[in-house]
């Protein structure tokens, strides 16, 4: 297996990695040196071949240059450079696709997920667990709004979702190769990897840790990104929004029928009722309720179709720095092969003349 290029050459990895660290990176040049140092310490303690798969998710700073320097000096580092910014969940997917280890550990680059916790995860994996989750005991350095909104979202999603999703668990986790292969068989576009991992099942364990403050730089996960993630999690693993439309349509239909009965009764008892008003209100409210009812039913199917019909690739790789593509220099054919030499060309010409003479004869 060809590994990272160094000074125009190629180094060969002697052993396939047992453990793969998958780290999506987006404009993290300030924290990468510290992350690199701590990863090296952790990999030296693992006692098995390791690799680090950095996924450059369209960084606009010098993050790619910094990661290239890691790969040039150490064959354990693999750089997957995406063609643009696809988002955190797709970047994790790209890293998982390129990871070769029997166990894959996903974590963020900002060091809020301490790499040292991976040692505890590996111990649980060696006990026979397929998934090892890292549960946060505290979230240092985060605003009160972010902590409150995260707690509210995860608890609401757990109640609404069709699968049991653990609380206070992010994308910091270990996945056995069997789980990785299962995830790679799920091509859905609007990805919520935490929910997908819960959906596939397998034997699961937990370790706990205290989430640290960012080691440098600023958070790239703003309100818009969190809202998109929450939307994917809700719509991908719950049909409650569609059912709400269905239930609301049913409620409006019942109210419309009751109101229609009231209008008819009022018309029978009160001759001063405005002419035509009763029939107009009954028709509009009844039709409105029926439309919402039908839209809710159709929406149950459209929501599923919409997730399946878009067959776009999840991402494109601009350059996978871990694999050095061999470039072959084109060599012109020799004169004998090209038919221009005395032996090759002349022999061929003589054979053609002889064949022509034989046909004439």
Protein backbone atom coordinates (compact mmCIF):
# COMPACT_ATOMS: atom_id res chain seq x y z
CA UNK A 1 0.00 0.00 0.00
CA UNK A 2 1.49 3.32 -1.05
CA UNK A 3 1.58 5.97 1.63
CA UNK A 4 2.47 9.63 1.96
CA UNK A 5 4.87 11.10 -0.54
CA UNK A 6 8.08 12.62 0.76
CA UNK A 7 10.45 14.70 -1.39
CA UNK A 8 8.97 13.30 -4.58
CA UNK A 9 9.42 9.70 -3.47
CA UNK A 10 7.10 7.12 -2.02
CA UNK A 11 7.23 5.25 1.24
CA UNK A 12 5.62 1.87 1.77
CA UNK A 13 3.62 1.04 4.88
CA UNK A 14 4.80 -2.31 6.21
CA UNK A 15 1.63 -3.04 8.17
CA UNK A 16 -2.03 -2.28 7.66
CA UNK A 17 -3.31 -0.08 10.51
CA UNK A 18 -5.30 -1.64 13.32
CA UNK A 19 -6.68 1.70 14.54
CA UNK A 20 -7.74 4.62 12.32
CA UNK A 21 -8.36 8.12 13.66
CA UNK A 22 -10.74 10.08 11.41
CA UNK A 23 -10.62 13.86 11.90
CA UNK A 24 -12.56 16.37 9.75
CA UNK A 25 -10.72 19.69 9.45
CA UNK A 26 -12.09 23.07 8.44
CA UNK A 27 -9.83 26.08 9.00
CA UNK A 28 -8.06 24.69 12.08
CA UNK A 29 -4.48 25.82 11.43
CA UNK A 30 -4.19 27.26 14.95
CA UNK A 31 -4.85 23.96 16.71
CA UNK A 32 -3.32 21.39 14.36
CA UNK A 33 0.24 21.43 15.80
CA UNK A 34 -1.05 20.69 19.32
CA UNK A 35 -3.37 18.00 17.95
CA UNK A 36 -0.50 16.43 16.02
CA UNK A 37 1.67 16.22 19.13
CA UNK A 38 -1.05 14.62 21.25
CA UNK A 39 -2.02 12.17 18.52
CA UNK A 40 1.57 10.99 18.23
CA UNK A 41 1.68 10.36 21.98
CA UNK A 42 -1.58 8.41 21.89
CA UNK A 43 -0.55 6.30 18.88
CA UNK A 44 2.75 5.42 20.59
CA UNK A 45 0.76 4.12 23.57
CA UNK A 46 -1.70 2.04 21.55
CA UNK A 47 0.79 -0.74 20.88
CA UNK A 48 -0.64 -1.49 17.42
CA UNK A 49 -0.28 0.03 13.94
CA UNK A 50 -2.28 3.25 13.63
CA UNK A 51 -3.16 5.85 11.04
CA UNK A 52 -4.68 9.32 11.16
CA UNK A 53 -7.04 10.26 8.33
CA UNK A 54 -7.32 14.05 8.12
CA UNK A 55 -10.20 15.21 5.92
CA UNK A 56 -9.71 18.74 4.65
CA UNK A 57 -13.25 20.04 4.23
CA UNK A 58 -12.48 22.97 1.95
CA UNK A 59 -10.33 24.95 4.41
CA UNK A 60 -9.54 28.49 3.29
CA UNK A 61 -6.53 28.92 5.60
CA UNK A 62 -3.23 27.02 5.63
CA UNK A 63 -4.65 23.91 7.30
CA UNK A 64 -3.93 21.74 4.25
CA UNK A 65 -0.30 22.88 4.15
CA UNK A 66 0.14 22.06 7.83
CA UNK A 67 -1.41 18.61 7.37
CA UNK A 68 0.76 17.95 4.31
CA UNK A 69 3.82 18.55 6.46
CA UNK A 70 2.59 15.89 8.88
CA UNK A 71 2.10 13.38 6.07
CA UNK A 72 5.48 14.15 4.52
CA UNK A 73 7.24 13.36 7.80
CA UNK A 74 5.15 10.41 9.00
CA UNK A 75 3.54 7.71 6.84
CA UNK A 76 0.85 7.19 9.46
CA UNK A 77 -0.83 10.44 8.41
CA UNK A 78 -3.27 10.38 5.49
CA UNK A 79 -4.75 13.51 3.94
CA UNK A 80 -8.05 13.43 2.07
CA UNK A 81 -8.63 16.79 0.40
CA UNK A 82 -12.27 17.35 -0.55
CA UNK A 83 -13.04 19.47 -3.60
CA UNK A 84 -15.02 21.99 -1.53
CA UNK A 85 -16.69 22.42 1.84
CA UNK A 86 -19.33 19.71 2.14
CA UNK A 87 -20.05 20.02 5.84
CA UNK A 88 -19.05 18.17 8.98
CA UNK A 89 -21.16 15.04 8.52
CA UNK A 90 -20.05 14.42 4.93
CA UNK A 91 -16.41 15.05 5.92
CA UNK A 92 -16.69 12.36 8.60
CA UNK A 93 -18.21 10.05 5.99
CA UNK A 94 -15.28 10.67 3.63
CA UNK A 95 -12.82 9.87 6.41
CA UNK A 96 -14.63 6.66 7.31
CA UNK A 97 -14.64 5.64 3.65
CA UNK A 98 -10.85 6.03 3.46
CA UNK A 99 -9.99 4.54 6.86
CA UNK A 100 -8.35 1.11 6.71
CA UNK A 101 -8.28 0.16 10.40
CA UNK A 102 -10.28 -2.59 12.07
CA UNK A 103 -11.43 0.08 14.50
CA UNK A 104 -12.21 3.66 13.45
CA UNK A 105 -12.25 6.52 15.98
CA UNK A 106 -13.93 9.76 14.88
CA UNK A 107 -13.18 13.01 16.70
CA UNK A 108 -13.06 16.75 16.07
CA UNK A 109 -9.86 18.66 15.42
CA UNK A 110 -10.39 21.37 18.03
CA UNK A 111 -9.19 19.16 20.94
CA UNK A 112 -12.50 19.47 22.73
CA UNK A 113 -12.53 15.71 22.19
CA UNK A 114 -9.36 14.64 24.06
CA UNK A 115 -7.43 12.09 21.95
CA UNK A 116 -6.29 10.37 25.15
CA UNK A 117 -9.84 9.08 25.74
CA UNK A 118 -9.30 6.87 22.68
CA UNK A 119 -7.16 4.57 24.84
CA UNK A 120 -10.20 3.80 27.01
CA UNK A 121 -12.31 3.25 23.90
CA UNK A 122 -9.82 0.75 22.51
CA UNK A 123 -9.90 -1.18 25.79
CA UNK A 124 -13.69 -1.52 25.59
CA UNK A 125 -13.43 -2.50 21.92
CA UNK A 126 -10.98 -5.25 22.83
CA UNK A 127 -13.59 -6.52 25.30
CA UNK A 128 -15.86 -7.26 22.34
CA UNK A 129 -17.95 -4.11 21.91
CA UNK A 130 -18.62 -2.92 18.35
CA UNK A 131 -19.43 0.72 19.23
CA UNK A 132 -17.85 2.71 22.04
CA UNK A 133 -19.46 6.08 22.72
CA UNK A 134 -17.82 9.00 24.54
CA UNK A 135 -20.40 10.61 26.80
CA UNK A 136 -19.80 14.22 27.89
CA UNK A 137 -19.99 14.89 31.63
CA UNK A 138 -19.50 18.65 31.15
CA UNK A 139 -19.11 21.13 28.28
CA UNK A 140 -16.45 23.68 29.25
CA UNK A 141 -16.05 26.88 27.28
CA UNK A 142 -19.50 26.84 25.69
CA UNK A 143 -22.16 29.53 26.03
CA UNK A 144 -25.25 28.99 28.13
CA UNK A 145 -27.37 29.22 24.98
CA UNK A 146 -25.43 26.46 23.22
CA UNK A 147 -25.56 24.17 26.25
CA UNK A 148 -29.29 24.76 26.74
CA UNK A 149 -30.17 24.36 23.04
CA UNK A 150 -28.06 21.18 22.76
CA UNK A 151 -29.69 19.64 25.83
CA UNK A 152 -33.15 20.54 24.57
CA UNK A 153 -32.48 19.18 21.09
CA UNK A 154 -31.03 15.84 22.13
CA UNK A 155 -33.82 15.16 24.61
CA UNK A 156 -36.54 16.18 22.16
CA UNK A 157 -34.98 14.08 19.39
CA UNK A 158 -34.76 11.06 21.66
CA UNK A 159 -38.48 11.31 22.37
CA UNK A 160 -39.48 11.86 18.76
CA UNK A 161 -37.05 9.50 17.06
CA UNK A 162 -37.89 5.95 16.03
CA UNK A 163 -34.49 4.76 17.33
CA UNK A 164 -33.00 5.15 20.80
CA UNK A 165 -30.32 7.84 20.59
CA UNK A 166 -28.06 8.33 23.63
CA UNK A 167 -27.92 11.70 25.37
CA UNK A 168 -24.83 13.94 25.58
CA UNK A 169 -22.98 11.98 22.90
CA UNK A 170 -21.52 13.64 19.82
CA UNK A 171 -19.40 12.28 16.99
CA UNK A 172 -16.54 11.22 19.28
CA UNK A 173 -16.78 7.43 19.19
CA UNK A 174 -15.11 4.18 18.15
CA UNK A 175 -16.61 2.00 15.43
CA UNK A 176 -15.70 -1.59 14.71
CA UNK A 177 -15.04 -2.52 11.08
CA UNK A 178 -18.41 -4.31 10.93
CA UNK A 179 -20.16 -1.06 11.88
CA UNK A 180 -18.07 0.91 9.36
CA UNK A 181 -19.07 -1.48 6.59
CA UNK A 182 -22.72 -1.09 7.60
CA UNK A 183 -22.48 2.71 7.46
CA UNK A 184 -20.85 2.59 4.04
CA UNK A 185 -23.86 0.63 2.79
CA UNK A 186 -26.14 3.58 3.68
CA UNK A 187 -25.95 6.13 0.83
CA UNK A 188 -28.48 8.66 2.14
CA UNK A 189 -27.77 12.30 1.33
CA UNK A 190 -28.99 14.25 4.37
CA UNK A 191 -26.75 12.52 6.86
CA UNK A 192 -27.03 12.47 10.62
CA UNK A 193 -24.28 10.00 11.50
CA UNK A 194 -25.14 9.80 15.19
CA UNK A 195 -28.61 8.59 14.36
CA UNK A 196 -27.34 6.26 11.62
CA UNK A 197 -25.00 4.55 14.08
CA UNK A 198 -27.83 4.13 16.57
CA UNK A 199 -30.00 2.71 13.81
CA UNK A 200 -27.56 -0.03 12.74
CA UNK A 201 -27.47 -1.45 16.27
CA UNK A 202 -24.54 -3.66 17.39
CA UNK A 203 -23.14 -4.09 20.87
CA UNK A 204 -22.45 -0.71 22.47
CA UNK A 205 -20.44 0.54 25.44
CA UNK A 206 -19.67 3.99 26.85
CA UNK A 207 -16.78 5.90 28.34
CA UNK A 208 -17.14 9.31 29.97
CA UNK A 209 -15.02 12.43 29.63
CA UNK A 210 -15.07 16.13 30.35
CA UNK A 211 -15.27 18.21 27.18
CA UNK A 212 -12.52 20.82 27.17
CA UNK A 213 -12.47 24.31 25.73
CA UNK A 214 -11.14 24.81 22.21
CA UNK A 215 -7.36 24.69 22.10
CA UNK A 216 -7.29 27.52 19.55
CA UNK A 217 -9.25 29.30 16.86
CA UNK A 218 -13.00 29.82 16.79
CA UNK A 219 -15.88 27.39 16.51
CA UNK A 220 -17.04 26.78 12.94
CA UNK A 221 -20.32 25.27 14.12
CA UNK A 222 -22.60 28.28 14.23
CA UNK A 223 -26.33 28.54 14.67
CA UNK A 224 -27.01 27.82 11.00
CA UNK A 225 -24.92 24.64 11.03
CA UNK A 226 -26.52 23.46 14.27
CA UNK A 227 -29.98 24.13 12.87
CA UNK A 228 -29.19 22.12 9.72
CA UNK A 229 -27.85 19.24 11.81
CA UNK A 230 -30.94 19.30 14.02
CA UNK A 231 -33.20 19.31 10.96
CA UNK A 232 -31.40 16.32 9.42
CA UNK A 233 -31.60 14.47 12.70
CA UNK A 234 -35.32 15.14 13.11
CA UNK A 235 -36.42 14.48 9.54
CA UNK A 236 -34.06 11.56 9.01
CA UNK A 237 -35.15 9.57 12.04
CA UNK A 238 -38.65 10.76 12.79
CA UNK A 239 -41.81 11.21 10.74
CA UNK A 240 -43.44 13.28 13.47
CA UNK A 241 -43.46 16.50 11.35
CA UNK A 242 -45.40 14.72 8.64
CA UNK A 243 -47.71 13.15 11.16
CA UNK A 244 -48.33 16.56 12.69
CA UNK A 245 -49.71 17.73 9.34
CA UNK A 246 -51.90 14.64 9.24
CA UNK A 247 -53.16 15.15 12.78
CA UNK A 248 -53.71 18.86 12.24
CA UNK A 249 -55.73 18.12 9.10
CA UNK A 250 -57.88 15.65 11.02
CA UNK A 251 -58.45 18.15 13.83
CA UNK A 252 -59.41 20.89 11.37
CA UNK A 253 -61.78 18.50 9.60
CA UNK A 254 -63.52 17.59 12.85
CA UNK A 255 -63.76 21.25 13.85
CA UNK A 256 -65.11 22.12 10.40
CA UNK A 257 -67.81 19.46 10.66
CA UNK A 258 -68.76 20.62 14.14
CA UNK A 259 -68.83 24.22 13.01
CA UNK A 260 -70.90 23.24 9.99
CA UNK A 261 -73.43 21.55 12.24
CA UNK A 262 -73.55 24.69 14.38
CA UNK A 263 -74.16 26.88 11.30
CA UNK A 264 -76.95 24.64 10.04
CA UNK A 265 -78.58 24.62 13.47
CA UNK A 266 -78.25 28.39 13.71
CA UNK A 267 -79.80 28.76 10.25
CA UNK A 268 -82.80 26.68 11.28
CA UNK A 269 -83.33 28.64 14.49
CA UNK A 270 -82.35 32.13 13.28
CA UNK A 271 -83.89 33.37 10.07
CA UNK A 272 -81.85 36.60 10.19
CA UNK A 273 -78.61 34.81 9.33
CA UNK A 274 -76.83 36.38 6.33
CA UNK A 275 -77.83 34.50 3.21
CA UNK A 276 -75.03 32.41 1.68
CA UNK A 277 -72.64 32.90 4.61
CA UNK A 278 -73.36 29.51 6.16
CA UNK A 279 -72.74 27.48 3.02
CA UNK A 280 -69.55 29.43 2.21
CA UNK A 281 -68.01 28.92 5.64
CA UNK A 282 -68.89 25.23 5.77
CA UNK A 283 -67.49 24.53 2.31
CA UNK A 284 -64.24 26.44 2.90
CA UNK A 285 -63.50 24.94 6.30
CA UNK A 286 -64.40 21.42 5.20
CA UNK A 287 -62.31 21.59 2.05
CA UNK A 288 -59.41 23.15 3.95
CA UNK A 289 -59.42 20.32 6.47
CA UNK A 290 -59.65 17.66 3.77
CA UNK A 291 -56.75 19.25 1.85
CA UNK A 292 -54.52 19.27 4.92
CA UNK A 293 -55.50 15.67 5.58
CA UNK A 294 -54.56 14.59 2.06
CA UNK A 295 -51.35 16.62 2.07
CA UNK A 296 -50.31 14.93 5.30
CA UNK A 297 -50.89 11.47 3.82
CA UNK A 298 -49.10 12.28 0.57
CA UNK A 299 -46.30 13.92 2.55
CA UNK A 300 -45.57 10.61 4.29
CA UNK A 301 -44.65 9.16 0.91
CA UNK A 302 -42.99 12.23 -0.60
CA UNK A 303 -40.71 12.55 2.40
CA UNK A 304 -39.40 9.04 1.81
CA UNK A 305 -39.16 9.41 -1.96
CA UNK A 306 -37.28 12.69 -1.66
CA UNK A 307 -34.53 11.03 0.38
CA UNK A 308 -34.04 8.26 -2.17
CA UNK A 309 -34.31 9.84 -5.62
CA UNK A 310 -31.27 12.12 -5.34
CA UNK A 311 -28.42 9.84 -6.36
CA UNK A 312 -25.63 12.40 -6.25
CA UNK A 313 -22.26 11.33 -4.84
CA UNK A 314 -21.80 12.50 -1.28
CA UNK A 315 -18.48 14.18 -2.04
CA UNK A 316 -15.59 14.51 -4.48
CA UNK A 317 -11.93 14.24 -3.54
CA UNK A 318 -9.67 16.88 -5.08
CA UNK A 319 -6.45 15.11 -4.11
CA UNK A 320 -5.90 12.18 -1.81
CA UNK A 321 -2.45 12.97 -0.52
CA UNK A 322 -1.96 9.56 1.05
CA UNK A 323 -1.76 7.85 -2.33
CA UNK A 324 0.94 8.91 -4.76
CA UNK A 325 -0.31 8.42 -8.26
CA UNK A 326 2.34 6.88 -10.48
CA UNK A 327 3.02 8.87 -13.60
CA UNK A 328 4.32 6.87 -16.54
CA UNK A 329 6.47 8.65 -19.12
CA UNK A 330 5.22 7.91 -22.58
CA UNK A 331 7.89 6.30 -24.76
CA UNK A 332 7.64 6.37 -28.54
CA UNK A 333 7.64 2.89 -30.13
CA UNK A 334 10.94 1.76 -31.61
CA UNK A 335 11.38 1.90 -35.34
CA UNK A 336 11.04 -1.85 -35.64
CA UNK A 337 7.68 -1.76 -33.83
CA UNK A 338 6.55 1.30 -35.77
CA UNK A 339 7.36 -0.30 -39.09
CA UNK A 340 10.12 2.18 -39.96
CA UNK A 341 13.24 0.01 -39.53
CA UNK A 342 14.98 -2.05 -42.16
CA UNK A 343 14.13 -5.34 -40.49
CA UNK A 344 10.73 -4.46 -39.13
CA UNK A 345 9.53 -2.08 -41.84
CA UNK A 346 11.21 -3.82 -44.74
CA UNK A 347 10.09 -7.26 -43.56
CA UNK A 348 6.55 -6.06 -43.21
CA UNK A 349 6.65 -4.49 -46.68
CA UNK A 350 8.06 -7.70 -48.18
CA UNK A 351 5.32 -9.73 -46.49
CA UNK A 352 2.65 -7.39 -47.86
CA UNK A 353 4.13 -7.62 -51.38
CA UNK A 354 4.35 -11.39 -51.15
CA UNK A 355 0.75 -11.60 -49.97
CA UNK A 356 -0.38 -9.35 -52.80
CA UNK A 357 1.51 -11.49 -55.38
CA UNK A 358 -0.04 -14.64 -53.99
CA UNK A 359 -3.55 -13.18 -54.33
CA UNK A 360 -2.84 -12.11 -57.94
CA UNK A 361 -1.49 -15.54 -58.75
